[in-house]
Amino acid sequence: MMHDRALAIAAKIRTELEPFCDRIEIAGSIRRKKPNVKDVEIVAIPKPYETGLFESGIATIVNKWGKVKGRIAL
């Protein structure tokens, strides 16, 4: 996909995840401004959150996504 489209997708993902992260950055070919991007790479350090029976933290967002690999479902 073209860089502009990939950047828009990555920015949307970063905005959704940012409140749950100590640090989050767009990485890979998007960061390097390649004209054709094959995948969206996000590097994140999530804030600590409870694990157990109920979702919390970053999982509340990621678990809503239809797919993490393959065609994007955002």
PDB file of N, CA and C in Angstrom:
ATOM      1  N   MET A   1       0.846  -1.175   0.000  1.00  0.00           N
ATOM      2  CA  MET A   1       0.000   0.000   0.000  1.00  0.00           C
ATOM      3  C   MET A   1       0.888   1.233   0.000  1.00  0.00           C
ATOM      4  N   MET A   2       0.338   2.337  -0.389  1.00  0.00           N
ATOM      5  CA  MET A   2       1.091   3.580  -0.445  1.00  0.00           C
ATOM      6  C   MET A   2       1.384   4.095   0.967  1.00  0.00           C
ATOM      7  N   HIS A   3       2.482   4.814   1.098  1.00  0.00           N
ATOM      8  CA  HIS A   3       2.936   5.304   2.400  1.00  0.00           C
ATOM      9  C   HIS A   3       1.869   6.122   3.125  1.00  0.00           C
ATOM     10  N   ASP A   4       1.196   7.033   2.430  1.00  0.00           N
ATOM     11  CA  ASP A   4       0.200   7.895   3.082  1.00  0.00           C
ATOM     12  C   ASP A   4      -0.928   7.092   3.721  1.00  0.00           C
ATOM     13  N   ARG A   5      -1.399   6.075   3.019  1.00  0.00           N
ATOM     14  CA  ARG A   5      -2.479   5.220   3.558  1.00  0.00           C
ATOM     15  C   ARG A   5      -1.981   4.439   4.767  1.00  0.00           C
ATOM     16  N   ALA A   6      -0.781   3.876   4.677  1.00  0.00           N
ATOM     17  CA  ALA A   6      -0.209   3.115   5.793  1.00  0.00           C
ATOM     18  C   ALA A   6       0.002   4.013   7.006  1.00  0.00           C
ATOM     19  N   LEU A   7       0.471   5.228   6.780  1.00  0.00           N
ATOM     20  CA  LEU A   7       0.686   6.168   7.880  1.00  0.00           C
ATOM     21  C   LEU A   7      -0.627   6.518   8.572  1.00  0.00           C
ATOM     22  N   ALA A   8      -1.686   6.697   7.798  1.00  0.00           N
ATOM     23  CA  ALA A   8      -2.999   7.003   8.384  1.00  0.00           C
ATOM     24  C   ALA A   8      -3.487   5.845   9.258  1.00  0.00           C
ATOM     25  N   ILE A   9      -3.311   4.621   8.799  1.00  0.00           N
ATOM     26  CA  ILE A   9      -3.706   3.447   9.576  1.00  0.00           C
ATOM     27  C   ILE A   9      -2.871   3.358  10.845  1.00  0.00           C
ATOM     28  N   ALA A  10      -1.559   3.531  10.716  1.00  0.00           N
ATOM     29  CA  ALA A  10      -0.663   3.452  11.877  1.00  0.00           C
ATOM     30  C   ALA A  10      -0.987   4.543  12.898  1.00  0.00           C
ATOM     31  N   ALA A  11      -1.280   5.740  12.427  1.00  0.00           N
ATOM     32  CA  ALA A  11      -1.612   6.841  13.330  1.00  0.00           C
ATOM     33  C   ALA A  11      -2.902   6.546  14.094  1.00  0.00           C
ATOM     34  N   LYS A  12      -3.881   5.951  13.428  1.00  0.00           N
ATOM     35  CA  LYS A  12      -5.140   5.594  14.089  1.00  0.00           C
ATOM     36  C   LYS A  12      -4.894   4.548  15.177  1.00  0.00           C
ATOM     37  N   ILE A  13      -4.088   3.554  14.864  1.00  0.00           N
ATOM     38  CA  ILE A  13      -3.770   2.514  15.839  1.00  0.00           C
ATOM     39  C   ILE A  13      -3.032   3.121  17.024  1.00  0.00           C
ATOM     40  N   ARG A  14      -2.049   3.962  16.734  1.00  0.00           N
ATOM     41  CA  ARG A  14      -1.281   4.587  17.817  1.00  0.00           C
ATOM     42  C   ARG A  14      -2.183   5.423  18.719  1.00  0.00           C
ATOM     43  N   THR A  15      -3.098   6.167  18.142  1.00  0.00           N
ATOM     44  CA  THR A  15      -4.024   6.988  18.929  1.00  0.00           C
ATOM     45  C   THR A  15      -4.889   6.129  19.845  1.00  0.00           C
ATOM     46  N   GLU A  16      -5.360   4.990  19.341  1.00  0.00           N
ATOM     47  CA  GLU A  16      -6.190   4.096  20.143  1.00  0.00           C
ATOM     48  C   GLU A  16      -5.416   3.479  21.303  1.00  0.00           C
ATOM     49  N   LEU A  17      -4.166   3.112  21.050  1.00  0.00           N
ATOM     50  CA  LEU A  17      -3.373   2.406  22.059  1.00  0.00           C
ATOM     51  C   LEU A  17      -2.633   3.321  23.028  1.00  0.00           C
ATOM     52  N   GLU A  18      -2.388   4.559  22.637  1.00  0.00           N
ATOM     53  CA  GLU A  18      -1.551   5.473  23.403  1.00  0.00           C
ATOM     54  C   GLU A  18      -1.931   5.625  24.877  1.00  0.00           C
ATOM     55  N   PRO A  19      -3.209   5.732  25.227  1.00  0.00           N
ATOM     56  CA  PRO A  19      -3.546   5.884  26.650  1.00  0.00           C
ATOM     57  C   PRO A  19      -3.131   4.681  27.514  1.00  0.00           C
ATOM     58  N   PHE A  20      -2.900   3.543  26.878  1.00  0.00           N
ATOM     59  CA  PHE A  20      -2.566   2.318  27.602  1.00  0.00           C
ATOM     60  C   PHE A  20      -1.068   1.991  27.544  1.00  0.00           C
ATOM     61  N   CYS A  21      -0.269   2.915  27.022  1.00  0.00           N
ATOM     62  CA  CYS A  21       1.158   2.647  26.819  1.00  0.00           C
ATOM     63  C   CYS A  21       2.036   3.666  27.534  1.00  0.00           C
ATOM     64  N   ASP A  22       3.169   3.179  28.044  1.00  0.00           N
ATOM     65  CA  ASP A  22       4.193   4.088  28.549  1.00  0.00           C
ATOM     66  C   ASP A  22       4.910   4.747  27.374  1.00  0.00           C
ATOM     67  N   ARG A  23       5.067   3.992  26.300  1.00  0.00           N
ATOM     68  CA  ARG A  23       5.693   4.515  25.079  1.00  0.00           C
ATOM     69  C   ARG A  23       5.153   3.743  23.884  1.00  0.00           C
ATOM     70  N   ILE A  24       4.929   4.448  22.782  1.00  0.00           N
ATOM     71  CA  ILE A  24       4.451   3.809  21.556  1.00  0.00           C
ATOM     72  C   ILE A  24       4.970   4.594  20.353  1.00  0.00           C
ATOM     73  N   GLU A  25       5.480   3.874  19.371  1.00  0.00           N
ATOM     74  CA  GLU A  25       6.051   4.510  18.178  1.00  0.00           C
ATOM     75  C   GLU A  25       5.658   3.732  16.925  1.00  0.00           C
ATOM     76  N   ILE A  26       5.509   4.454  15.833  1.00  0.00           N
ATOM     77  CA  ILE A  26       5.337   3.845  14.522  1.00  0.00           C
ATOM     78  C   ILE A  26       6.732   3.458  14.042  1.00  0.00           C
ATOM     79  N   ALA A  27       6.873   2.250  13.517  1.00  0.00           N
ATOM     80  CA  ALA A  27       8.197   1.745  13.161  1.00  0.00           C
ATOM     81  C   ALA A  27       8.227   1.241  11.718  1.00  0.00           C
ATOM     82  N   GLY A  28       9.338   0.625  11.364  1.00  0.00           N
ATOM     83  CA  GLY A  28       9.481  -0.054  10.080  1.00  0.00           C
ATOM     84  C   GLY A  28       9.502   0.865   8.883  1.00  0.00           C
ATOM     85  N   SER A  29       8.947   0.366   7.789  1.00  0.00           N
ATOM     86  CA  SER A  29       9.008   1.089   6.517  1.00  0.00           C
ATOM     87  C   SER A  29       8.197   2.385   6.541  1.00  0.00           C
ATOM     88  N   ILE A  30       7.211   2.478   7.424  1.00  0.00           N
ATOM     89  CA  ILE A  30       6.462   3.736   7.551  1.00  0.00           C
ATOM     90  C   ILE A  30       7.377   4.802   8.147  1.00  0.00           C
ATOM     91  N   ARG A  31       8.078   4.458   9.217  1.00  0.00           N
ATOM     92  CA  ARG A  31       9.000   5.401   9.846  1.00  0.00           C
ATOM     93  C   ARG A  31      10.119   5.805   8.887  1.00  0.00           C
ATOM     94  N   ARG A  32      10.559   4.847   8.071  1.00  0.00           N
ATOM     95  CA  ARG A  32      11.632   5.120   7.113  1.00  0.00           C
ATOM     96  C   ARG A  32      11.139   5.818   5.839  1.00  0.00           C
ATOM     97  N   LYS A  33       9.830   6.063   5.771  1.00  0.00           N
ATOM     98  CA  LYS A  33       9.188   6.781   4.662  1.00  0.00           C
ATOM     99  C   LYS A  33       9.385   6.105   3.311  1.00  0.00           C
ATOM    100  N   LYS A  34       9.278   4.778   3.313  1.00  0.00           N
ATOM    101  CA  LYS A  34       9.327   4.027   2.057  1.00  0.00           C
ATOM    102  C   LYS A  34       8.054   4.312   1.265  1.00  0.00           C
ATOM    103  N   PRO A  35       8.113   4.432  -0.047  1.00  0.00           N
ATOM    104  CA  PRO A  35       6.913   4.750  -0.830  1.00  0.00           C
ATOM    105  C   PRO A  35       5.872   3.630  -0.825  1.00  0.00           C
ATOM    106  N   ASN A  36       6.323   2.374  -0.770  1.00  0.00           N
ATOM    107  CA  ASN A  36       5.410   1.230  -0.718  1.00  0.00           C
ATOM    108  C   ASN A  36       5.622   0.484   0.595  1.00  0.00           C
ATOM    109  N   VAL A  37       4.545   0.310   1.330  1.00  0.00           N
ATOM    110  CA  VAL A  37       4.596  -0.303   2.654  1.00  0.00           C
ATOM    111  C   VAL A  37       3.877  -1.642   2.595  1.00  0.00           C
ATOM    112  N   LYS A  38       4.515  -2.687   3.116  1.00  0.00           N
ATOM    113  CA  LYS A  38       3.909  -4.018   3.099  1.00  0.00           C
ATOM    114  C   LYS A  38       3.166  -4.340   4.386  1.00  0.00           C
ATOM    115  N   ASP A  39       3.573  -3.728   5.491  1.00  0.00           N
ATOM    116  CA  ASP A  39       2.876  -3.976   6.757  1.00  0.00           C
ATOM    117  C   ASP A  39       3.012  -2.768   7.671  1.00  0.00           C
ATOM    118  N   VAL A  40       2.142  -2.715   8.664  1.00  0.00           N
ATOM    119  CA  VAL A  40       2.149  -1.636   9.645  1.00  0.00           C
ATOM    120  C   VAL A  40       2.825  -2.176  10.900  1.00  0.00           C
ATOM    121  N   GLU A  41       3.893  -1.506  11.308  1.00  0.00           N
ATOM    122  CA  GLU A  41       4.626  -1.930  12.499  1.00  0.00           C
ATOM    123  C   GLU A  41       4.496  -0.868  13.583  1.00  0.00           C
ATOM    124  N   ILE A  42       4.089  -1.312  14.756  1.00  0.00           N
ATOM    125  CA  ILE A  42       3.959  -0.462  15.929  1.00  0.00           C
ATOM    126  C   ILE A  42       4.778  -1.118  17.042  1.00  0.00           C
ATOM    127  N   VAL A  43       5.614  -0.330  17.700  1.00  0.00           N
ATOM    128  CA  VAL A  43       6.381  -0.825  18.836  1.00  0.00           C
ATOM    129  C   VAL A  43       5.820  -0.136  20.074  1.00  0.00           C
ATOM    130  N   ALA A  44       5.429  -0.933  21.067  1.00  0.00           N
ATOM    131  CA  ALA A  44       4.787  -0.355  22.243  1.00  0.00           C
ATOM    132  C   ALA A  44       5.290  -0.989  23.533  1.00  0.00           C
ATOM    133  N   ILE A  45       5.371  -0.156  24.558  1.00  0.00           N
ATOM    134  CA  ILE A  45       5.607  -0.626  25.918  1.00  0.00           C
ATOM    135  C   ILE A  45       4.315  -0.342  26.677  1.00  0.00           C
ATOM    136  N   PRO A  46       3.497  -1.381  26.898  1.00  0.00           N
ATOM    137  CA  PRO A  46       2.214  -1.142  27.558  1.00  0.00           C
ATOM    138  C   PRO A  46       2.398  -0.817  29.035  1.00  0.00           C
ATOM    139  N   LYS A  47       1.467  -0.027  29.569  1.00  0.00           N
ATOM    140  CA  LYS A  47       1.435   0.228  31.005  1.00  0.00           C
ATOM    141  C   LYS A  47       1.042  -1.073  31.693  1.00  0.00           C
ATOM    142  N   PRO A  48       1.516  -1.286  32.905  1.00  0.00           N
ATOM    143  CA  PRO A  48       1.109  -2.494  33.632  1.00  0.00           C
ATOM    144  C   PRO A  48      -0.414  -2.532  33.805  1.00  0.00           C
ATOM    145  N   TYR A  49      -0.972  -3.726  33.708  1.00  0.00           N
ATOM    146  CA  TYR A  49      -2.408  -3.884  33.901  1.00  0.00           C
ATOM    147  C   TYR A  49      -2.682  -5.262  34.490  1.00  0.00           C
ATOM    148  N   GLU A  50      -3.864  -5.401  35.037  1.00  0.00           N
ATOM    149  CA  GLU A  50      -4.274  -6.661  35.660  1.00  0.00           C
ATOM    150  C   GLU A  50      -4.550  -7.709  34.595  1.00  0.00           C
ATOM    151  N   THR A  51      -4.132  -8.910  34.842  1.00  0.00           N
ATOM    152  CA  THR A  51      -4.520 -10.030  33.993  1.00  0.00           C
ATOM    153  C   THR A  51      -5.401 -10.941  34.830  1.00  0.00           C
ATOM    154  N   GLY A  52      -6.292 -11.585  34.194  1.00  0.00           N
ATOM    155  CA  GLY A  52      -7.204 -12.458  34.922  1.00  0.00           C
ATOM    156  C   GLY A  52      -8.482 -12.670  34.146  1.00  0.00           C
ATOM    157  N   LEU A  53      -9.559 -12.791  34.860  1.00  0.00           N
ATOM    158  CA  LEU A  53     -10.840 -13.115  34.262  1.00  0.00           C
ATOM    159  C   LEU A  53     -11.383 -12.004  33.361  1.00  0.00           C
ATOM    160  N   PHE A  54     -11.134 -10.744  33.710  1.00  0.00           N
ATOM    161  CA  PHE A  54     -11.691  -9.624  32.958  1.00  0.00           C
ATOM    162  C   PHE A  54     -10.589  -8.872  32.216  1.00  0.00           C
ATOM    163  N   GLU A  55     -10.937  -8.334  31.042  1.00  0.00           N
ATOM    164  CA  GLU A  55      -9.990  -7.547  30.257  1.00  0.00           C
ATOM    165  C   GLU A  55      -9.685  -6.242  30.969  1.00  0.00           C
ATOM    166  N   SER A  56      -8.456  -5.782  30.806  1.00  0.00           N
ATOM    167  CA  SER A  56      -8.084  -4.457  31.278  1.00  0.00           C
ATOM    168  C   SER A  56      -6.890  -3.977  30.475  1.00  0.00           C
ATOM    169  N   GLY A  57      -6.557  -2.713  30.627  1.00  0.00           N
ATOM    170  CA  GLY A  57      -5.398  -2.154  29.947  1.00  0.00           C
ATOM    171  C   GLY A  57      -5.493  -2.246  28.439  1.00  0.00           C
ATOM    172  N   ILE A  58      -4.351  -2.476  27.821  1.00  0.00           N
ATOM    173  CA  ILE A  58      -4.241  -2.510  26.365  1.00  0.00           C
ATOM    174  C   ILE A  58      -5.109  -3.614  25.745  1.00  0.00           C
ATOM    175  N   ALA A  59      -5.367  -4.667  26.504  1.00  0.00           N
ATOM    176  CA  ALA A  59      -6.184  -5.778  26.000  1.00  0.00           C
ATOM    177  C   ALA A  59      -7.613  -5.339  25.672  1.00  0.00           C
ATOM    178  N   THR A  60      -8.129  -4.311  26.339  1.00  0.00           N
ATOM    179  CA  THR A  60      -9.491  -3.853  26.053  1.00  0.00           C
ATOM    180  C   THR A  60      -9.622  -3.330  24.627  1.00  0.00           C
ATOM    181  N   ILE A  61      -8.528  -2.823  24.063  1.00  0.00           N
ATOM    182  CA  ILE A  61      -8.538  -2.334  22.689  1.00  0.00           C
ATOM    183  C   ILE A  61      -8.189  -3.451  21.712  1.00  0.00           C
ATOM    184  N   VAL A  62      -7.072  -4.121  21.954  1.00  0.00           N
ATOM    185  CA  VAL A  62      -6.573  -5.133  21.015  1.00  0.00           C
ATOM    186  C   VAL A  62      -7.575  -6.269  20.832  1.00  0.00           C
ATOM    187  N   ASN A  63      -8.245  -6.680  21.877  1.00  0.00           N
ATOM    188  CA  ASN A  63      -9.193  -7.789  21.770  1.00  0.00           C
ATOM    189  C   ASN A  63     -10.453  -7.429  20.987  1.00  0.00           C
ATOM    190  N   LYS A  64     -10.689  -6.166  20.707  1.00  0.00           N
ATOM    191  CA  LYS A  64     -11.829  -5.745  19.885  1.00  0.00           C
ATOM    192  C   LYS A  64     -11.538  -5.865  18.394  1.00  0.00           C
ATOM    193  N   TRP A  65     -10.268  -5.912  18.026  1.00  0.00           N
ATOM    194  CA  TRP A  65      -9.900  -5.983  16.622  1.00  0.00           C
ATOM    195  C   TRP A  65     -10.257  -7.339  16.052  1.00  0.00           C
ATOM    196  N   GLY A  66     -10.857  -7.331  14.861  1.00  0.00           N
ATOM    197  CA  GLY A  66     -11.237  -8.574  14.215  1.00  0.00           C
ATOM    198  C   GLY A  66     -10.047  -9.439  13.835  1.00  0.00           C
ATOM    199  N   LYS A  67      -8.987  -8.814  13.357  1.00  0.00           N
ATOM    200  CA  LYS A  67      -7.784  -9.530  12.959  1.00  0.00           C
ATOM    201  C   LYS A  67      -6.579  -8.690  13.339  1.00  0.00           C
ATOM    202  N   VAL A  68      -5.521  -9.344  13.724  1.00  0.00           N
ATOM    203  CA  VAL A  68      -4.275  -8.648  13.982  1.00  0.00           C
ATOM    204  C   VAL A  68      -3.319  -8.882  12.824  1.00  0.00           C
ATOM    205  N   LYS A  69      -3.474 -10.002  12.132  1.00  0.00           N
ATOM    206  CA  LYS A  69      -2.632 -10.315  10.993  1.00  0.00           C
ATOM    207  C   LYS A  69      -3.525 -10.506   9.777  1.00  0.00           C
ATOM    208  N   GLY A  70      -3.088 -10.037   8.646  1.00  0.00           N
ATOM    209  CA  GLY A  70      -3.891 -10.168   7.439  1.00  0.00           C
ATOM    210  C   GLY A  70      -4.576  -8.861   7.110  1.00  0.00           C
ATOM    211  N   ARG A  71      -5.681  -8.954   6.426  1.00  0.00           N
ATOM    212  CA  ARG A  71      -6.412  -7.748   6.038  1.00  0.00           C
ATOM    213  C   ARG A  71      -6.915  -7.037   7.270  1.00  0.00           C
ATOM    214  N   ILE A  72      -6.691  -5.755   7.349  1.00  0.00           N
ATOM    215  CA  ILE A  72      -7.031  -4.978   8.541  1.00  0.00           C
ATOM    216  C   ILE A  72      -8.550  -4.841   8.672  1.00  0.00           C
ATOM    217  N   ALA A  73      -9.022  -4.932   9.894  1.00  0.00           N
ATOM    218  CA  ALA A  73     -10.457  -4.874  10.169  1.00  0.00           C
ATOM    219  C   ALA A  73     -10.827  -3.643  10.964  1.00  0.00           C
ATOM    220  N   LEU A  74     -10.005  -2.611  10.924  1.00  0.00           N
ATOM    221  CA  LEU A  74     -10.300  -1.405  11.719  1.00  0.00           C
ATOM    222  C   LEU A  74     -11.396  -0.630  11.106  1.00  0.00           C
TER     223      LEU A  74
END
